[in-house]
Amino acid sequence: MRMNRRQFVVGAVATGAVTSFAIRTRPAHAAEFTYKFANNQALTHPTNVRAQEAARKMQEESGGRFELQIFPSSQLGADTDMLSQVRSGGVEFFSLSPLILSTLVPNAALSGIGFAFPNYDAVWPAMDGELGTYVRGQIAERGLVTMDKIWDNGFRQITSSKGPINTPADLEGFKIRVPVSPLWTSMFSAFGSAPTSINFAETYAALQTGVVDGQENPLAILTTHKVYEVQKYCSTTNHMWDGFWILGNRRAWQSLPDELKEIVAKNFNAAGEQQRQDVMELNAGLRGDLEGHGMVFNEPDTAPFQAKLNEAGFYAEWKGKFGEDAWAILEKAVGKDLG
């Protein structure tokens, strides 16, 4: 099933998603297990459209025993707050970027190394293969459950209120919002920028008030969160691929009978594969929409950006932090030597 941006919005309205504080699917009788799923995506983002479909299937296939309540748009807290809540059991499930997760699981950020993945043809075999298995093992060691399939966020682009980013020199002294993650801070510091770690829920206000000059995100985020209202320029750097791991509280997961675990995992993973296709197509088709909102696009040559990172010692630094074995898994997955 494929949807464009308009169909996502229409679908969300038709299902009532945009009129409620949280997306809930309630059985006729109280569910035996009622779990919360929090995320930072807008109601119309493919993440929540597919999560709602998965929630309905979980309810139906469990005979009403399991109910998943969905809380989008950081309604239960910012990313770092929600990571604490899923660890403590305040929420049962939460979706999070591997790079922000690295504040708890350092090697979760392995998939986010700058310019590692050239395209989606390299991403999914890696994340469904040895690289994804390695990262899930790292997550499990820190006491969290994660689903097998990582969901998509997309390749990230740099936006600015000051002007286009054409060369690494344009990033020198550039005040850029980055998520709360050491890898993001390190990468933009290597460019000579002034990165500021800000939770996503606070990013629009930071751009609007001039706390930062720019930010970086996939095009779908620029649309669903109306970043175009506070940013003029978009440079298609594709500097990093990013996704969302579905994280679960271990105690809550272990409380489920095996048959319910199977139903929940199966539907989360199936929804993830559908969401990947949705996000890829959505990001590929949004440039025209964003230009219609006044954004100006440019397509810089990325080779000088990679060379700048190598020259600044970025790759050598992170190879040392991740370790030789982990770095070898990454290079095998992307099919090239990094740095």
C-alpha atoms as a PDB file:
ATOM      1  CA  MET A   1       0.000   0.000   0.000  1.00  0.00           C
ATOM      2  CA  ARG A   2       1.511   3.319  -1.048  1.00  0.00           C
ATOM      3  CA  MET A   3       0.394   6.767   0.004  1.00  0.00           C
ATOM      4  CA  ASN A   4       1.420  10.277  -0.896  1.00  0.00           C
ATOM      5  CA  ARG A   5       1.407  13.183   1.547  1.00  0.00           C
ATOM      6  CA  ARG A   6      -2.163  14.212   0.714  1.00  0.00           C
ATOM      7  CA  GLN A   7      -3.421  10.649   1.241  1.00  0.00           C
ATOM      8  CA  PHE A   8      -1.693  10.497   4.608  1.00  0.00           C
ATOM      9  CA  VAL A   9      -3.444  13.658   5.748  1.00  0.00           C
ATOM     10  CA  VAL A  10      -6.804  12.517   4.408  1.00  0.00           C
ATOM     11  CA  GLY A  11      -6.333   9.085   5.983  1.00  0.00           C
ATOM     12  CA  ALA A  12      -5.525  10.584   9.350  1.00  0.00           C
ATOM     13  CA  VAL A  13      -8.635  12.771   9.248  1.00  0.00           C
ATOM     14  CA  ALA A  14     -10.830   9.885   8.165  1.00  0.00           C
ATOM     15  CA  THR A  15      -9.690   7.749  11.080  1.00  0.00           C
ATOM     16  CA  GLY A  16     -10.118  10.542  13.579  1.00  0.00           C
ATOM     17  CA  ALA A  17      -6.398  10.769  14.319  1.00  0.00           C
ATOM     18  CA  VAL A  18      -6.190  14.522  14.063  1.00  0.00           C
ATOM     19  CA  THR A  19      -9.053  15.198  16.443  1.00  0.00           C
ATOM     20  CA  SER A  20      -7.858  13.313  19.502  1.00  0.00           C
ATOM     21  CA  PHE A  21      -5.075  13.905  22.022  1.00  0.00           C
ATOM     22  CA  ALA A  22      -3.875  10.359  21.581  1.00  0.00           C
ATOM     23  CA  ILE A  23      -4.774   7.707  19.057  1.00  0.00           C
ATOM     24  CA  ARG A  24      -6.725   5.006  20.891  1.00  0.00           C
ATOM     25  CA  THR A  25      -8.458   1.886  19.684  1.00  0.00           C
ATOM     26  CA  ARG A  26     -10.706   0.602  22.452  1.00  0.00           C
ATOM     27  CA  PRO A  27     -12.230  -2.896  22.519  1.00  0.00           C
ATOM     28  CA  ALA A  28     -15.770  -3.412  23.735  1.00  0.00           C
ATOM     29  CA  HIS A  29     -14.432  -4.663  27.066  1.00  0.00           C
ATOM     30  CA  ALA A  30     -11.403  -3.457  28.967  1.00  0.00           C
ATOM     31  CA  ALA A  31      -8.189  -4.915  27.603  1.00  0.00           C
ATOM     32  CA  GLU A  32      -6.135  -7.237  29.753  1.00  0.00           C
ATOM     33  CA  PHE A  33      -3.015  -5.278  28.739  1.00  0.00           C
ATOM     34  CA  THR A  34      -3.138  -1.569  27.848  1.00  0.00           C
ATOM     35  CA  TYR A  35       0.265  -0.242  26.740  1.00  0.00           C
ATOM     36  CA  LYS A  36       1.342   3.216  25.605  1.00  0.00           C
ATOM     37  CA  PHE A  37       3.435   3.963  22.522  1.00  0.00           C
ATOM     38  CA  ALA A  38       4.991   7.453  22.487  1.00  0.00           C
ATOM     39  CA  ASN A  39       6.821   9.165  19.628  1.00  0.00           C
ATOM     40  CA  ASN A  40       7.848  12.633  18.477  1.00  0.00           C
ATOM     41  CA  GLN A  41       6.173  12.521  15.060  1.00  0.00           C
ATOM     42  CA  ALA A  42       3.143  14.511  13.933  1.00  0.00           C
ATOM     43  CA  LEU A  43      -0.214  12.793  13.582  1.00  0.00           C
ATOM     44  CA  THR A  44       0.010  12.861   9.794  1.00  0.00           C
ATOM     45  CA  HIS A  45       3.527  11.395   9.615  1.00  0.00           C
ATOM     46  CA  PRO A  46       3.671   7.817   8.224  1.00  0.00           C
ATOM     47  CA  THR A  47       4.941   6.626  11.606  1.00  0.00           C
ATOM     48  CA  ASN A  48       1.612   7.348  13.261  1.00  0.00           C
ATOM     49  CA  VAL A  49      -0.534   6.337  10.289  1.00  0.00           C
ATOM     50  CA  ARG A  50       1.109   2.889  10.249  1.00  0.00           C
ATOM     51  CA  ALA A  51       1.236   2.643  14.046  1.00  0.00           C
ATOM     52  CA  GLN A  52      -2.500   3.197  14.199  1.00  0.00           C
ATOM     53  CA  GLU A  53      -3.054   0.414  11.675  1.00  0.00           C
ATOM     54  CA  ALA A  54      -0.802  -1.868  13.715  1.00  0.00           C
ATOM     55  CA  ALA A  55      -2.699  -1.009  16.909  1.00  0.00           C
ATOM     56  CA  ARG A  56      -6.006  -2.037  15.327  1.00  0.00           C
ATOM     57  CA  LYS A  57      -4.532  -5.333  14.179  1.00  0.00           C
ATOM     58  CA  MET A  58      -3.017  -6.027  17.606  1.00  0.00           C
ATOM     59  CA  GLN A  59      -6.432  -5.494  19.183  1.00  0.00           C
ATOM     60  CA  GLU A  60      -8.243  -7.642  16.635  1.00  0.00           C
ATOM     61  CA  GLU A  61      -5.754 -10.510  16.590  1.00  0.00           C
ATOM     62  CA  SER A  62      -5.562 -10.599  20.387  1.00  0.00           C
ATOM     63  CA  GLY A  63      -9.331 -10.788  20.702  1.00  0.00           C
ATOM     64  CA  GLY A  64      -9.327  -7.472  22.569  1.00  0.00           C
ATOM     65  CA  ARG A  65      -6.798  -8.623  25.176  1.00  0.00           C
ATOM     66  CA  PHE A  66      -4.154  -6.109  24.058  1.00  0.00           C
ATOM     67  CA  GLU A  67      -4.675  -2.376  23.480  1.00  0.00           C
ATOM     68  CA  LEU A  68      -1.997  -0.010  22.187  1.00  0.00           C
ATOM     69  CA  GLN A  69      -2.553   3.680  22.878  1.00  0.00           C
ATOM     70  CA  ILE A  70      -0.523   6.007  20.665  1.00  0.00           C
ATOM     71  CA  PHE A  71       0.758   9.360  21.907  1.00  0.00           C
ATOM     72  CA  PRO A  72       2.309  11.355  19.011  1.00  0.00           C
ATOM     73  CA  SER A  73       4.002  14.770  18.756  1.00  0.00           C
ATOM     74  CA  SER A  74       6.033  14.491  21.984  1.00  0.00           C
ATOM     75  CA  GLN A  75       2.804  14.710  23.986  1.00  0.00           C
ATOM     76  CA  LEU A  76       4.277  12.725  26.872  1.00  0.00           C
ATOM     77  CA  GLY A  77       7.637  14.500  26.855  1.00  0.00           C
ATOM     78  CA  ALA A  78      10.784  15.243  24.884  1.00  0.00           C
ATOM     79  CA  ASP A  79      13.017  12.492  23.510  1.00  0.00           C
ATOM     80  CA  THR A  80      15.409  12.341  26.448  1.00  0.00           C
ATOM     81  CA  ASP A  81      12.497  12.389  28.920  1.00  0.00           C
ATOM     82  CA  MET A  82      10.744   9.580  27.094  1.00  0.00           C
ATOM     83  CA  LEU A  83      13.882   7.468  27.005  1.00  0.00           C
ATOM     84  CA  SER A  84      13.920   7.668  30.794  1.00  0.00           C
ATOM     85  CA  GLN A  85      10.215   6.823  30.937  1.00  0.00           C
ATOM     86  CA  VAL A  86      10.498   3.743  28.750  1.00  0.00           C
ATOM     87  CA  ARG A  87      13.362   2.541  30.945  1.00  0.00           C
ATOM     88  CA  SER A  88      11.337   3.078  34.130  1.00  0.00           C
ATOM     89  CA  GLY A  89       8.071   1.734  32.713  1.00  0.00           C
ATOM     90  CA  GLY A  90       6.230   5.067  32.581  1.00  0.00           C
ATOM     91  CA  VAL A  91       5.533   4.182  28.948  1.00  0.00           C
ATOM     92  CA  GLU A  92       5.803   0.713  27.498  1.00  0.00           C
ATOM     93  CA  PHE A  93       6.977   1.573  23.959  1.00  0.00           C
ATOM     94  CA  PHE A  94       8.814   4.520  22.446  1.00  0.00           C
ATOM     95  CA  SER A  95      10.397   5.158  19.032  1.00  0.00           C
ATOM     96  CA  LEU A  96      13.783   6.854  18.997  1.00  0.00           C
ATOM     97  CA  SER A  97      16.641   7.687  16.642  1.00  0.00           C
ATOM     98  CA  PRO A  98      19.698   5.457  17.126  1.00  0.00           C
ATOM     99  CA  LEU A  99      21.827   8.564  17.560  1.00  0.00           C
ATOM    100  CA  ILE A 100      19.794   9.916  20.467  1.00  0.00           C
ATOM    101  CA  LEU A 101      19.623   6.408  21.905  1.00  0.00           C
ATOM    102  CA  SER A 102      23.434   6.532  21.948  1.00  0.00           C
ATOM    103  CA  THR A 103      23.234   8.672  25.106  1.00  0.00           C
ATOM    104  CA  LEU A 104      22.343   5.350  26.777  1.00  0.00           C
ATOM    105  CA  VAL A 105      23.686   2.807  24.260  1.00  0.00           C
ATOM    106  CA  PRO A 106      26.839   4.375  22.755  1.00  0.00           C
ATOM    107  CA  ASN A 107      27.265   1.993  19.824  1.00  0.00           C
ATOM    108  CA  ALA A 108      23.639   2.416  18.728  1.00  0.00           C
ATOM    109  CA  ALA A 109      24.935   5.433  16.799  1.00  0.00           C
ATOM    110  CA  LEU A 110      27.068   3.243  14.527  1.00  0.00           C
ATOM    111  CA  SER A 111      24.535   3.466  11.691  1.00  0.00           C
ATOM    112  CA  GLY A 112      24.589   7.271  11.796  1.00  0.00           C
ATOM    113  CA  ILE A 113      28.179   7.946  10.785  1.00  0.00           C
ATOM    114  CA  GLY A 114      28.312  10.855   8.339  1.00  0.00           C
ATOM    115  CA  PHE A 115      28.038   9.900   4.644  1.00  0.00           C
ATOM    116  CA  ALA A 116      28.221   6.160   5.429  1.00  0.00           C
ATOM    117  CA  PHE A 117      25.163   5.112   3.408  1.00  0.00           C
ATOM    118  CA  PRO A 118      24.971   6.242  -0.232  1.00  0.00           C
ATOM    119  CA  ASN A 119      21.314   5.258  -0.710  1.00  0.00           C
ATOM    120  CA  TYR A 120      18.453   3.072   0.540  1.00  0.00           C
ATOM    121  CA  ASP A 121      19.772   0.059  -1.372  1.00  0.00           C
ATOM    122  CA  ALA A 122      22.614   0.033   1.142  1.00  0.00           C
ATOM    123  CA  VAL A 123      20.514   0.901   4.217  1.00  0.00           C
ATOM    124  CA  TRP A 124      17.996  -1.925   4.462  1.00  0.00           C
ATOM    125  CA  PRO A 125      20.285  -4.942   3.875  1.00  0.00           C
ATOM    126  CA  ALA A 126      22.549  -3.498   6.571  1.00  0.00           C
ATOM    127  CA  MET A 127      19.858  -2.696   9.128  1.00  0.00           C
ATOM    128  CA  ASP A 128      18.004  -5.989   8.536  1.00  0.00           C
ATOM    129  CA  GLY A 129      21.310  -7.844   8.528  1.00  0.00           C
ATOM    130  CA  GLU A 130      24.498  -7.984  10.567  1.00  0.00           C
ATOM    131  CA  LEU A 131      24.651  -4.280  11.438  1.00  0.00           C
ATOM    132  CA  GLY A 132      21.086  -4.218  12.774  1.00  0.00           C
ATOM    133  CA  THR A 133      21.631  -7.449  14.703  1.00  0.00           C
ATOM    134  CA  TYR A 134      24.746  -5.997  16.305  1.00  0.00           C
ATOM    135  CA  VAL A 135      22.960  -2.798  17.379  1.00  0.00           C
ATOM    136  CA  ARG A 136      19.947  -4.682  18.779  1.00  0.00           C
ATOM    137  CA  GLY A 137      22.366  -6.751  20.849  1.00  0.00           C
ATOM    138  CA  GLN A 138      23.895  -3.563  22.234  1.00  0.00           C
ATOM    139  CA  ILE A 139      20.414  -2.257  23.118  1.00  0.00           C
ATOM    140  CA  ALA A 140      19.474  -5.510  24.856  1.00  0.00           C
ATOM    141  CA  GLU A 141      22.597  -5.277  27.013  1.00  0.00           C
ATOM    142  CA  ARG A 142      21.247  -2.017  28.437  1.00  0.00           C
ATOM    143  CA  GLY A 143      17.979  -3.626  29.484  1.00  0.00           C
ATOM    144  CA  LEU A 144      15.628  -2.533  26.704  1.00  0.00           C
ATOM    145  CA  VAL A 145      13.590  -4.608  24.268  1.00  0.00           C
ATOM    146  CA  THR A 146      13.639  -3.602  20.600  1.00  0.00           C
ATOM    147  CA  MET A 147      11.669  -4.832  17.614  1.00  0.00           C
ATOM    148  CA  ASP A 148      13.539  -6.499  14.758  1.00  0.00           C
ATOM    149  CA  LYS A 149      12.692  -3.911  12.094  1.00  0.00           C
ATOM    150  CA  ILE A 150      13.971  -0.349  12.427  1.00  0.00           C
ATOM    151  CA  TRP A 151      11.546   2.242  11.041  1.00  0.00           C
ATOM    152  CA  ASP A 152      12.643   4.978   8.633  1.00  0.00           C
ATOM    153  CA  ASN A 153      13.239   8.666   9.210  1.00  0.00           C
ATOM    154  CA  GLY A 154      15.187   9.255   6.009  1.00  0.00           C
ATOM    155  CA  PHE A 155      18.310  10.938   4.734  1.00  0.00           C
ATOM    156  CA  ARG A 156      18.915  14.229   6.490  1.00  0.00           C
ATOM    157  CA  GLN A 157      19.283  17.633   4.823  1.00  0.00           C
ATOM    158  CA  ILE A 158      20.524  20.963   6.223  1.00  0.00           C
ATOM    159  CA  THR A 159      18.194  23.969   6.375  1.00  0.00           C
ATOM    160  CA  SER A 160      19.118  27.559   7.111  1.00  0.00           C
ATOM    161  CA  SER A 161      17.642  31.007   7.587  1.00  0.00           C
ATOM    162  CA  LYS A 162      20.915  32.647   6.505  1.00  0.00           C
ATOM    163  CA  GLY A 163      21.669  31.209   3.080  1.00  0.00           C
ATOM    164  CA  PRO A 164      22.406  27.969   1.225  1.00  0.00           C
ATOM    165  CA  ILE A 165      25.090  25.544   2.383  1.00  0.00           C
ATOM    166  CA  ASN A 166      27.181  24.922  -0.733  1.00  0.00           C
ATOM    167  CA  THR A 167      30.586  24.051   0.720  1.00  0.00           C
ATOM    168  CA  PRO A 168      32.026  23.049   4.113  1.00  0.00           C
ATOM    169  CA  ALA A 169      33.133  26.667   4.525  1.00  0.00           C
ATOM    170  CA  ASP A 170      29.463  27.693   4.721  1.00  0.00           C
ATOM    171  CA  LEU A 171      29.171  25.659   7.926  1.00  0.00           C
ATOM    172  CA  GLU A 172      31.978  27.490   9.723  1.00  0.00           C
ATOM    173  CA  GLY A 173      30.483  29.331  12.692  1.00  0.00           C
ATOM    174  CA  PHE A 174      26.992  28.221  11.633  1.00  0.00           C
ATOM    175  CA  LYS A 175      24.646  27.915  14.631  1.00  0.00           C
ATOM    176  CA  ILE A 176      22.862  24.631  14.010  1.00  0.00           C
ATOM    177  CA  ARG A 177      20.379  22.723  16.128  1.00  0.00           C
ATOM    178  CA  VAL A 178      21.339  19.080  16.524  1.00  0.00           C
ATOM    179  CA  PRO A 179      19.568  16.348  18.502  1.00  0.00           C
ATOM    180  CA  VAL A 180      20.910  15.395  21.902  1.00  0.00           C
ATOM    181  CA  SER A 181      23.645  13.080  20.661  1.00  0.00           C
ATOM    182  CA  PRO A 182      27.463  13.162  20.894  1.00  0.00           C
ATOM    183  CA  LEU A 183      27.864  11.984  17.291  1.00  0.00           C
ATOM    184  CA  TRP A 184      25.836  14.855  15.843  1.00  0.00           C
ATOM    185  CA  THR A 185      27.728  17.389  17.953  1.00  0.00           C
ATOM    186  CA  SER A 186      31.053  15.871  16.940  1.00  0.00           C
ATOM    187  CA  MET A 187      30.257  15.884  13.230  1.00  0.00           C
ATOM    188  CA  PHE A 188      29.210  19.517  13.035  1.00  0.00           C
ATOM    189  CA  SER A 189      32.057  20.576  15.306  1.00  0.00           C
ATOM    190  CA  ALA A 190      34.379  18.957  12.744  1.00  0.00           C
ATOM    191  CA  PHE A 191      32.891  21.298  10.150  1.00  0.00           C
ATOM    192  CA  GLY A 192      33.665  24.269  12.409  1.00  0.00           C
ATOM    193  CA  SER A 193      29.984  24.863  13.165  1.00  0.00           C
ATOM    194  CA  ALA A 194      28.451  25.837  16.495  1.00  0.00           C
ATOM    195  CA  PRO A 195      26.123  22.879  17.209  1.00  0.00           C
ATOM    196  CA  THR A 196      23.529  23.221  19.971  1.00  0.00           C
ATOM    197  CA  SER A 197      21.766  20.126  21.349  1.00  0.00           C
ATOM    198  CA  ILE A 198      18.020  20.807  21.504  1.00  0.00           C
ATOM    199  CA  ASN A 199      15.202  18.281  21.912  1.00  0.00           C
ATOM    200  CA  PHE A 200      12.986  18.090  18.845  1.00  0.00           C
ATOM    201  CA  ALA A 201       9.930  19.408  20.678  1.00  0.00           C
ATOM    202  CA  GLU A 202      11.785  22.699  21.233  1.00  0.00           C
ATOM    203  CA  THR A 203      13.355  23.029  17.779  1.00  0.00           C
ATOM    204  CA  TYR A 204      10.689  25.133  16.035  1.00  0.00           C
ATOM    205  CA  ALA A 205      10.839  27.777  18.766  1.00  0.00           C
ATOM    206  CA  ALA A 206      14.649  27.810  18.664  1.00  0.00           C
ATOM    207  CA  LEU A 207      14.565  28.473  14.918  1.00  0.00           C
ATOM    208  CA  GLN A 208      11.798  31.028  15.206  1.00  0.00           C
ATOM    209  CA  THR A 209      13.586  33.060  17.877  1.00  0.00           C
ATOM    210  CA  GLY A 210      17.035  32.861  16.274  1.00  0.00           C
ATOM    211  CA  VAL A 211      18.656  30.772  18.992  1.00  0.00           C
ATOM    212  CA  VAL A 212      20.045  28.776  16.059  1.00  0.00           C
ATOM    213  CA  ASP A 213      20.397  29.606  12.352  1.00  0.00           C
ATOM    214  CA  GLY A 214      19.482  26.192  11.051  1.00  0.00           C
ATOM    215  CA  GLN A 215      18.804  22.515  11.647  1.00  0.00           C
ATOM    216  CA  GLU A 216      18.985  19.226   9.758  1.00  0.00           C
ATOM    217  CA  ASN A 217      16.227  16.691   9.163  1.00  0.00           C
ATOM    218  CA  PRO A 218      14.593  14.634   6.394  1.00  0.00           C
ATOM    219  CA  LEU A 219      12.142  16.470   4.147  1.00  0.00           C
ATOM    220  CA  ALA A 220       9.112  14.720   5.668  1.00  0.00           C
ATOM    221  CA  ILE A 221       9.895  16.365   9.011  1.00  0.00           C
ATOM    222  CA  LEU A 222      10.150  19.786   7.367  1.00  0.00           C
ATOM    223  CA  THR A 223       6.620  19.278   6.059  1.00  0.00           C
ATOM    224  CA  THR A 224       4.796  17.598   8.926  1.00  0.00           C
ATOM    225  CA  HIS A 225       6.273  20.003  11.496  1.00  0.00           C
ATOM    226  CA  LYS A 226       6.117  23.109   9.265  1.00  0.00           C
ATOM    227  CA  VAL A 227       9.820  23.870   9.556  1.00  0.00           C
ATOM    228  CA  TYR A 228       9.461  25.752   6.259  1.00  0.00           C
ATOM    229  CA  GLU A 229       7.731  28.526   8.195  1.00  0.00           C
ATOM    230  CA  VAL A 230      10.994  29.391   9.981  1.00  0.00           C
ATOM    231  CA  GLN A 231      13.648  28.271   7.457  1.00  0.00           C
ATOM    232  CA  LYS A 232      14.246  29.613   3.951  1.00  0.00           C
ATOM    233  CA  TYR A 233      17.012  27.440   2.477  1.00  0.00           C
ATOM    234  CA  CYS A 234      17.392  23.670   2.164  1.00  0.00           C
ATOM    235  CA  SER A 235      20.662  22.062   1.071  1.00  0.00           C
ATOM    236  CA  THR A 236      20.313  18.414   0.028  1.00  0.00           C
ATOM    237  CA  THR A 237      23.466  17.100   1.669  1.00  0.00           C
ATOM    238  CA  ASN A 238      22.145  13.586   2.485  1.00  0.00           C
ATOM    239  CA  HIS A 239      24.814  13.680   5.182  1.00  0.00           C
ATOM    240  CA  MET A 240      23.278  10.985   7.329  1.00  0.00           C
ATOM    241  CA  TRP A 241      20.615   8.286   7.228  1.00  0.00           C
ATOM    242  CA  ASP A 242      18.433   8.095  10.334  1.00  0.00           C
ATOM    243  CA  GLY A 243      15.725   5.752  11.573  1.00  0.00           C
ATOM    244  CA  PHE A 244      13.585   4.923  14.593  1.00  0.00           C
ATOM    245  CA  TRP A 245      14.051   1.865  16.776  1.00  0.00           C
ATOM    246  CA  ILE A 246      10.853   0.698  18.487  1.00  0.00           C
ATOM    247  CA  LEU A 247      11.988   0.344  22.094  1.00  0.00           C
ATOM    248  CA  GLY A 248      10.101  -1.519  24.800  1.00  0.00           C
ATOM    249  CA  ASN A 249      10.268  -1.660  28.579  1.00  0.00           C
ATOM    250  CA  ARG A 250      11.632  -5.096  29.458  1.00  0.00           C
ATOM    251  CA  ARG A 251       9.363  -5.730  32.454  1.00  0.00           C
ATOM    252  CA  ALA A 252       6.264  -4.791  30.487  1.00  0.00           C
ATOM    253  CA  TRP A 253       7.355  -7.007  27.601  1.00  0.00           C
ATOM    254  CA  GLN A 254       8.045  -9.975  29.836  1.00  0.00           C
ATOM    255  CA  SER A 255       4.593  -9.548  31.408  1.00  0.00           C
ATOM    256  CA  LEU A 256       2.937 -10.398  28.091  1.00  0.00           C
ATOM    257  CA  PRO A 257       2.046 -14.023  27.375  1.00  0.00           C
ATOM    258  CA  ASP A 258       4.046 -15.482  24.503  1.00  0.00           C
ATOM    259  CA  GLU A 259       1.083 -15.413  22.119  1.00  0.00           C
ATOM    260  CA  LEU A 260       0.604 -11.677  22.699  1.00  0.00           C
ATOM    261  CA  LYS A 261       4.321 -10.990  22.299  1.00  0.00           C
ATOM    262  CA  GLU A 262       4.116 -12.674  18.907  1.00  0.00           C
ATOM    263  CA  ILE A 263       1.109 -10.573  17.855  1.00  0.00           C
ATOM    264  CA  VAL A 264       2.647  -7.288  19.010  1.00  0.00           C
ATOM    265  CA  ALA A 265       6.079  -7.939  17.493  1.00  0.00           C
ATOM    266  CA  LYS A 266       4.644  -9.207  14.208  1.00  0.00           C
ATOM    267  CA  ASN A 267       2.487  -6.131  13.728  1.00  0.00           C
ATOM    268  CA  PHE A 268       5.139  -3.619  14.811  1.00  0.00           C
ATOM    269  CA  ASN A 269       7.592  -5.172  12.348  1.00  0.00           C
ATOM    270  CA  ALA A 270       5.091  -5.381   9.480  1.00  0.00           C
ATOM    271  CA  ALA A 271       4.066  -1.753  10.056  1.00  0.00           C
ATOM    272  CA  GLY A 272       7.736  -0.782  10.079  1.00  0.00           C
ATOM    273  CA  GLU A 273       8.317  -2.259   6.642  1.00  0.00           C
ATOM    274  CA  GLN A 274       5.276  -0.410   5.281  1.00  0.00           C
ATOM    275  CA  GLN A 275       6.355   2.816   6.965  1.00  0.00           C
ATOM    276  CA  ARG A 276       9.788   2.541   5.305  1.00  0.00           C
ATOM    277  CA  GLN A 277       8.242   2.581   1.858  1.00  0.00           C
ATOM    278  CA  ASP A 278       5.910   5.418   2.811  1.00  0.00           C
ATOM    279  CA  VAL A 279       8.703   7.613   4.170  1.00  0.00           C
ATOM    280  CA  MET A 280      11.031   6.944   1.244  1.00  0.00           C
ATOM    281  CA  GLU A 281       8.327   7.940  -1.233  1.00  0.00           C
ATOM    282  CA  LEU A 282       7.213  10.884   0.876  1.00  0.00           C
ATOM    283  CA  ASN A 283      10.729  12.314   1.163  1.00  0.00           C
ATOM    284  CA  ALA A 284      11.333  11.786  -2.559  1.00  0.00           C
ATOM    285  CA  GLY A 285       8.225  13.733  -3.546  1.00  0.00           C
ATOM    286  CA  LEU A 286       8.225  16.655  -1.135  1.00  0.00           C
ATOM    287  CA  ARG A 287      10.659  19.070  -2.718  1.00  0.00           C
ATOM    288  CA  GLY A 288       7.960  20.630  -4.897  1.00  0.00           C
ATOM    289  CA  ASP A 289       5.635  21.070  -1.931  1.00  0.00           C
ATOM    290  CA  LEU A 290       8.352  22.755   0.122  1.00  0.00           C
ATOM    291  CA  GLU A 291       9.301  25.022  -2.780  1.00  0.00           C
ATOM    292  CA  GLY A 292       5.634  25.975  -2.907  1.00  0.00           C
ATOM    293  CA  HIS A 293       5.994  27.112   0.697  1.00  0.00           C
ATOM    294  CA  GLY A 294       8.917  29.322  -0.315  1.00  0.00           C
ATOM    295  CA  MET A 295      11.913  27.109   0.435  1.00  0.00           C
ATOM    296  CA  VAL A 296      14.911  27.477  -1.859  1.00  0.00           C
ATOM    297  CA  PHE A 297      16.838  24.271  -2.649  1.00  0.00           C
ATOM    298  CA  ASN A 298      20.436  23.660  -3.690  1.00  0.00           C
ATOM    299  CA  GLU A 299      22.354  20.428  -4.301  1.00  0.00           C
ATOM    300  CA  PRO A 300      25.951  20.679  -3.065  1.00  0.00           C
ATOM    301  CA  ASP A 301      28.754  18.314  -4.041  1.00  0.00           C
ATOM    302  CA  THR A 302      29.155  16.141  -0.942  1.00  0.00           C
ATOM    303  CA  ALA A 303      32.717  14.955  -1.639  1.00  0.00           C
ATOM    304  CA  PRO A 304      34.311  18.062  -0.040  1.00  0.00           C
ATOM    305  CA  PHE A 305      32.167  17.557   3.064  1.00  0.00           C
ATOM    306  CA  GLN A 306      33.393  13.977   3.452  1.00  0.00           C
ATOM    307  CA  ALA A 307      36.962  15.102   2.871  1.00  0.00           C
ATOM    308  CA  LYS A 308      36.587  17.773   5.549  1.00  0.00           C
ATOM    309  CA  LEU A 309      35.392  15.198   8.095  1.00  0.00           C
ATOM    310  CA  ASN A 310      38.304  12.937   7.263  1.00  0.00           C
ATOM    311  CA  GLU A 311      40.786  15.809   7.506  1.00  0.00           C
ATOM    312  CA  ALA A 312      39.356  16.858  10.882  1.00  0.00           C
ATOM    313  CA  GLY A 313      39.858  13.343  12.253  1.00  0.00           C
ATOM    314  CA  PHE A 314      36.127  12.649  12.626  1.00  0.00           C
ATOM    315  CA  TYR A 315      36.243   9.104  11.232  1.00  0.00           C
ATOM    316  CA  ALA A 316      39.381   8.162  13.143  1.00  0.00           C
ATOM    317  CA  GLU A 317      37.857   9.483  16.377  1.00  0.00           C
ATOM    318  CA  TRP A 318      34.670   7.457  16.034  1.00  0.00           C
ATOM    319  CA  LYS A 319      36.408   4.318  14.867  1.00  0.00           C
ATOM    320  CA  GLY A 320      38.295   4.488  18.168  1.00  0.00           C
ATOM    321  CA  LYS A 321      35.102   5.070  20.155  1.00  0.00           C
ATOM    322  CA  PHE A 322      33.062   2.321  18.524  1.00  0.00           C
ATOM    323  CA  GLY A 323      35.938  -0.167  18.447  1.00  0.00           C
ATOM    324  CA  GLU A 324      37.597  -2.122  15.637  1.00  0.00           C
ATOM    325  CA  ASP A 325      35.018  -4.927  15.561  1.00  0.00           C
ATOM    326  CA  ALA A 326      32.000  -2.622  15.368  1.00  0.00           C
ATOM    327  CA  TRP A 327      33.674  -0.435  12.741  1.00  0.00           C
ATOM    328  CA  ALA A 328      34.411  -3.515  10.625  1.00  0.00           C
ATOM    329  CA  ILE A 329      30.714  -4.455  10.726  1.00  0.00           C
ATOM    330  CA  LEU A 330      29.790  -0.939   9.552  1.00  0.00           C
ATOM    331  CA  GLU A 331      32.314  -0.904   6.711  1.00  0.00           C
ATOM    332  CA  LYS A 332      31.207  -4.359   5.589  1.00  0.00           C
ATOM    333  CA  ALA A 333      27.586  -3.157   5.593  1.00  0.00           C
ATOM    334  CA  VAL A 334      28.203   0.007   3.563  1.00  0.00           C
ATOM    335  CA  GLY A 335      30.698  -1.650   1.242  1.00  0.00           C
ATOM    336  CA  LYS A 336      33.451   0.902   1.549  1.00  0.00           C
ATOM    337  CA  ASP A 337      36.268   2.080   3.767  1.00  0.00           C
ATOM    338  CA  LEU A 338      35.344   5.113   5.847  1.00  0.00           C
ATOM    339  CA  GLY A 339      38.109   7.581   6.548  1.00  0.00           C
END
